[in-house]
Amino acid sequence: MSKYSTTAGIPTRGDAFSKLIHHLNEAADQASVLSHLHSTEDSEMDKLTAKGWLGIHELLLRTRAQITKLAMNKFQ
């Protein structure tokens, strides 16, 4: 069960957006950490996996940027 931030018992767009951006930042950070950890290993498979995690990191950052761009129109 998820907990929702509310104002007077009503969920707000701003709070939901803020939470979404926070979680996307956290996910991107962790993907970057996983990339780094795999890149410190010696096997070729770990090197390839590191590049995959780095790609996921970039995709999450792009997703965050696109969501922010779309949301800017809603909050004006």
N, C-alpha and C. Protein backbone atom coordinates (compact mmCIF):
# COMPACT_ATOMS: atom_id res chain seq x y z
N MET A 1 0.85 -1.17 0.00
CA MET A 1 0.00 0.00 0.00
C MET A 1 0.89 1.23 0.00
N SER A 2 0.65 2.10 -0.93
CA SER A 2 1.42 3.33 -1.02
C SER A 2 0.82 4.39 -0.12
N LYS A 3 1.70 5.26 0.37
CA LYS A 3 1.23 6.41 1.14
C LYS A 3 1.30 7.63 0.24
N TYR A 4 0.25 8.42 0.28
CA TYR A 4 0.18 9.60 -0.55
C TYR A 4 0.25 10.84 0.33
N SER A 5 1.06 11.82 -0.12
CA SER A 5 1.08 13.11 0.55
C SER A 5 -0.20 13.84 0.16
N THR A 6 -0.81 14.45 1.15
CA THR A 6 -2.06 15.15 0.87
C THR A 6 -2.04 16.54 1.49
N THR A 7 -2.88 17.40 0.95
CA THR A 7 -3.14 18.70 1.52
C THR A 7 -4.63 18.72 1.82
N ALA A 8 -4.98 18.78 3.08
CA ALA A 8 -6.38 18.72 3.52
C ALA A 8 -7.05 17.43 3.02
N GLY A 9 -6.28 16.33 2.99
CA GLY A 9 -6.84 15.04 2.59
C GLY A 9 -6.90 14.81 1.10
N ILE A 10 -6.40 15.75 0.31
CA ILE A 10 -6.45 15.62 -1.14
C ILE A 10 -5.02 15.54 -1.68
N PRO A 11 -4.71 14.48 -2.45
CA PRO A 11 -3.37 14.40 -3.04
C PRO A 11 -3.14 15.57 -4.00
N THR A 12 -1.93 16.08 -4.03
CA THR A 12 -1.63 17.21 -4.91
C THR A 12 -0.69 16.79 -6.03
N ARG A 13 -0.81 17.46 -7.16
CA ARG A 13 0.06 17.19 -8.30
C ARG A 13 1.51 17.50 -7.96
N GLY A 14 1.72 18.60 -7.27
CA GLY A 14 3.09 19.01 -6.93
C GLY A 14 3.80 17.99 -6.06
N ASP A 15 3.10 17.47 -5.06
CA ASP A 15 3.70 16.46 -4.19
C ASP A 15 4.00 15.17 -4.96
N ALA A 16 3.07 14.76 -5.82
CA ALA A 16 3.26 13.54 -6.60
C ALA A 16 4.44 13.72 -7.56
N PHE A 17 4.51 14.88 -8.20
CA PHE A 17 5.61 15.17 -9.11
C PHE A 17 6.94 15.16 -8.37
N SER A 18 6.98 15.82 -7.23
CA SER A 18 8.20 15.88 -6.43
C SER A 18 8.68 14.49 -6.03
N LYS A 19 7.75 13.66 -5.61
CA LYS A 19 8.11 12.30 -5.21
C LYS A 19 8.61 11.49 -6.41
N LEU A 20 7.96 11.64 -7.56
CA LEU A 20 8.38 10.93 -8.76
C LEU A 20 9.79 11.33 -9.17
N ILE A 21 10.07 12.62 -9.18
CA ILE A 21 11.41 13.10 -9.55
C ILE A 21 12.45 12.59 -8.55
N HIS A 22 12.12 12.59 -7.28
CA HIS A 22 13.03 12.07 -6.26
C HIS A 22 13.37 10.60 -6.53
N HIS A 23 12.36 9.81 -6.82
CA HIS A 23 12.58 8.37 -7.05
C HIS A 23 13.36 8.13 -8.35
N LEU A 24 13.12 8.94 -9.37
CA LEU A 24 13.90 8.81 -10.59
C LEU A 24 15.36 9.16 -10.36
N ASN A 25 15.61 10.20 -9.55
CA ASN A 25 16.99 10.55 -9.20
C ASN A 25 17.67 9.43 -8.44
N GLU A 26 16.96 8.86 -7.47
CA GLU A 26 17.51 7.74 -6.69
C GLU A 26 17.83 6.54 -7.58
N ALA A 27 16.90 6.21 -8.48
CA ALA A 27 17.11 5.07 -9.37
C ALA A 27 18.30 5.32 -10.29
N ALA A 28 18.43 6.54 -10.82
CA ALA A 28 19.56 6.87 -11.69
C ALA A 28 20.88 6.77 -10.91
N ASP A 29 20.88 7.26 -9.69
CA ASP A 29 22.09 7.18 -8.85
C ASP A 29 22.50 5.73 -8.61
N GLN A 30 21.52 4.89 -8.30
CA GLN A 30 21.84 3.49 -8.01
C GLN A 30 22.29 2.74 -9.26
N ALA A 31 21.72 3.08 -10.41
CA ALA A 31 22.18 2.47 -11.66
C ALA A 31 23.63 2.86 -11.93
N SER A 32 23.99 4.09 -11.61
CA SER A 32 25.37 4.55 -11.77
C SER A 32 26.31 3.80 -10.83
N VAL A 33 25.87 3.58 -9.61
CA VAL A 33 26.68 2.83 -8.64
C VAL A 33 26.89 1.40 -9.13
N LEU A 34 25.81 0.78 -9.61
CA LEU A 34 25.94 -0.59 -10.13
C LEU A 34 26.89 -0.64 -11.32
N SER A 35 26.83 0.37 -12.17
CA SER A 35 27.75 0.44 -13.30
C SER A 35 29.20 0.50 -12.81
N HIS A 36 29.44 1.35 -11.84
CA HIS A 36 30.79 1.47 -11.29
C HIS A 36 31.26 0.15 -10.68
N LEU A 37 30.40 -0.49 -9.91
CA LEU A 37 30.79 -1.74 -9.25
C LEU A 37 31.10 -2.84 -10.27
N HIS A 38 30.31 -2.92 -11.32
CA HIS A 38 30.59 -3.93 -12.35
C HIS A 38 31.85 -3.59 -13.13
N SER A 39 32.13 -2.31 -13.31
CA SER A 39 33.32 -1.92 -14.08
C SER A 39 34.62 -2.21 -13.33
N THR A 40 34.54 -2.44 -12.03
CA THR A 40 35.75 -2.76 -11.26
C THR A 40 36.09 -4.25 -11.33
N GLU A 41 35.22 -5.05 -11.91
CA GLU A 41 35.48 -6.49 -12.04
C GLU A 41 36.30 -6.75 -13.30
N ASP A 42 36.87 -7.95 -13.39
CA ASP A 42 37.80 -8.26 -14.48
C ASP A 42 37.16 -8.91 -15.70
N SER A 43 36.00 -9.54 -15.55
CA SER A 43 35.44 -10.29 -16.67
C SER A 43 34.83 -9.37 -17.72
N GLU A 44 34.81 -9.87 -18.95
CA GLU A 44 34.23 -9.11 -20.05
C GLU A 44 32.73 -8.94 -19.85
N MET A 45 32.07 -9.93 -19.26
CA MET A 45 30.64 -9.84 -19.02
C MET A 45 30.34 -8.72 -18.03
N ASP A 46 31.17 -8.56 -17.01
CA ASP A 46 30.98 -7.47 -16.05
C ASP A 46 31.19 -6.11 -16.72
N LYS A 47 32.16 -6.02 -17.62
CA LYS A 47 32.40 -4.76 -18.34
C LYS A 47 31.17 -4.41 -19.19
N LEU A 48 30.59 -5.43 -19.85
CA LEU A 48 29.40 -5.21 -20.66
C LEU A 48 28.20 -4.83 -19.78
N THR A 49 28.07 -5.50 -18.66
CA THR A 49 26.99 -5.19 -17.72
C THR A 49 27.12 -3.77 -17.20
N ALA A 50 28.35 -3.33 -16.96
CA ALA A 50 28.60 -1.96 -16.50
C ALA A 50 28.09 -0.95 -17.53
N LYS A 51 28.34 -1.23 -18.80
CA LYS A 51 27.85 -0.33 -19.85
C LYS A 51 26.32 -0.33 -19.89
N GLY A 52 25.72 -1.49 -19.65
CA GLY A 52 24.26 -1.57 -19.61
C GLY A 52 23.68 -0.73 -18.48
N TRP A 53 24.27 -0.83 -17.30
CA TRP A 53 23.78 -0.03 -16.16
C TRP A 53 24.00 1.46 -16.41
N LEU A 54 25.09 1.80 -17.09
CA LEU A 54 25.32 3.21 -17.41
C LEU A 54 24.26 3.70 -18.40
N GLY A 55 23.87 2.83 -19.33
CA GLY A 55 22.80 3.17 -20.26
C GLY A 55 21.47 3.39 -19.54
N ILE A 56 21.19 2.53 -18.56
CA ILE A 56 19.97 2.69 -17.76
C ILE A 56 20.01 4.01 -17.00
N HIS A 57 21.16 4.34 -16.45
CA HIS A 57 21.35 5.62 -15.76
C HIS A 57 20.98 6.79 -16.68
N GLU A 58 21.52 6.75 -17.91
CA GLU A 58 21.24 7.82 -18.87
C GLU A 58 19.76 7.87 -19.23
N LEU A 59 19.14 6.72 -19.42
CA LEU A 59 17.72 6.69 -19.77
C LEU A 59 16.85 7.25 -18.65
N LEU A 60 17.20 6.95 -17.41
CA LEU A 60 16.45 7.49 -16.29
C LEU A 60 16.59 9.02 -16.21
N LEU A 61 17.78 9.52 -16.48
CA LEU A 61 17.98 10.97 -16.48
C LEU A 61 17.19 11.63 -17.62
N ARG A 62 17.16 10.99 -18.77
CA ARG A 62 16.37 11.52 -19.89
C ARG A 62 14.88 11.48 -19.58
N THR A 63 14.45 10.40 -18.93
CA THR A 63 13.05 10.29 -18.54
C THR A 63 12.69 11.41 -17.58
N ARG A 64 13.56 11.65 -16.60
CA ARG A 64 13.33 12.74 -15.64
C ARG A 64 13.23 14.09 -16.35
N ALA A 65 14.13 14.32 -17.29
CA ALA A 65 14.12 15.59 -18.03
C ALA A 65 12.84 15.75 -18.84
N GLN A 66 12.38 14.68 -19.47
CA GLN A 66 11.16 14.75 -20.27
C GLN A 66 9.94 14.98 -19.39
N ILE A 67 9.87 14.30 -18.26
CA ILE A 67 8.75 14.49 -17.33
C ILE A 67 8.74 15.92 -16.80
N THR A 68 9.92 16.44 -16.48
CA THR A 68 10.02 17.82 -16.00
C THR A 68 9.53 18.80 -17.06
N LYS A 69 9.93 18.56 -18.31
CA LYS A 69 9.50 19.42 -19.40
C LYS A 69 7.98 19.38 -19.57
N LEU A 70 7.40 18.18 -19.51
CA LEU A 70 5.94 18.07 -19.64
C LEU A 70 5.23 18.72 -18.46
N ALA A 71 5.78 18.55 -17.27
CA ALA A 71 5.14 19.10 -16.08
C ALA A 71 5.22 20.62 -16.02
N MET A 72 6.24 21.20 -16.63
CA MET A 72 6.38 22.66 -16.61
C MET A 72 5.14 23.32 -17.22
N ASN A 73 4.57 22.70 -18.23
CA ASN A 73 3.36 23.24 -18.85
C ASN A 73 2.16 23.15 -17.91
N LYS A 74 2.12 22.14 -17.07
CA LYS A 74 0.98 21.95 -16.17
C LYS A 74 1.03 22.88 -14.97
N PHE A 75 2.22 23.27 -14.52
CA PHE A 75 2.36 24.07 -13.32
C PHE A 75 2.42 25.57 -13.59
N GLN A 76 2.32 25.98 -14.84
CA GLN A 76 2.39 27.41 -15.14
C GLN A 76 1.06 28.08 -14.94
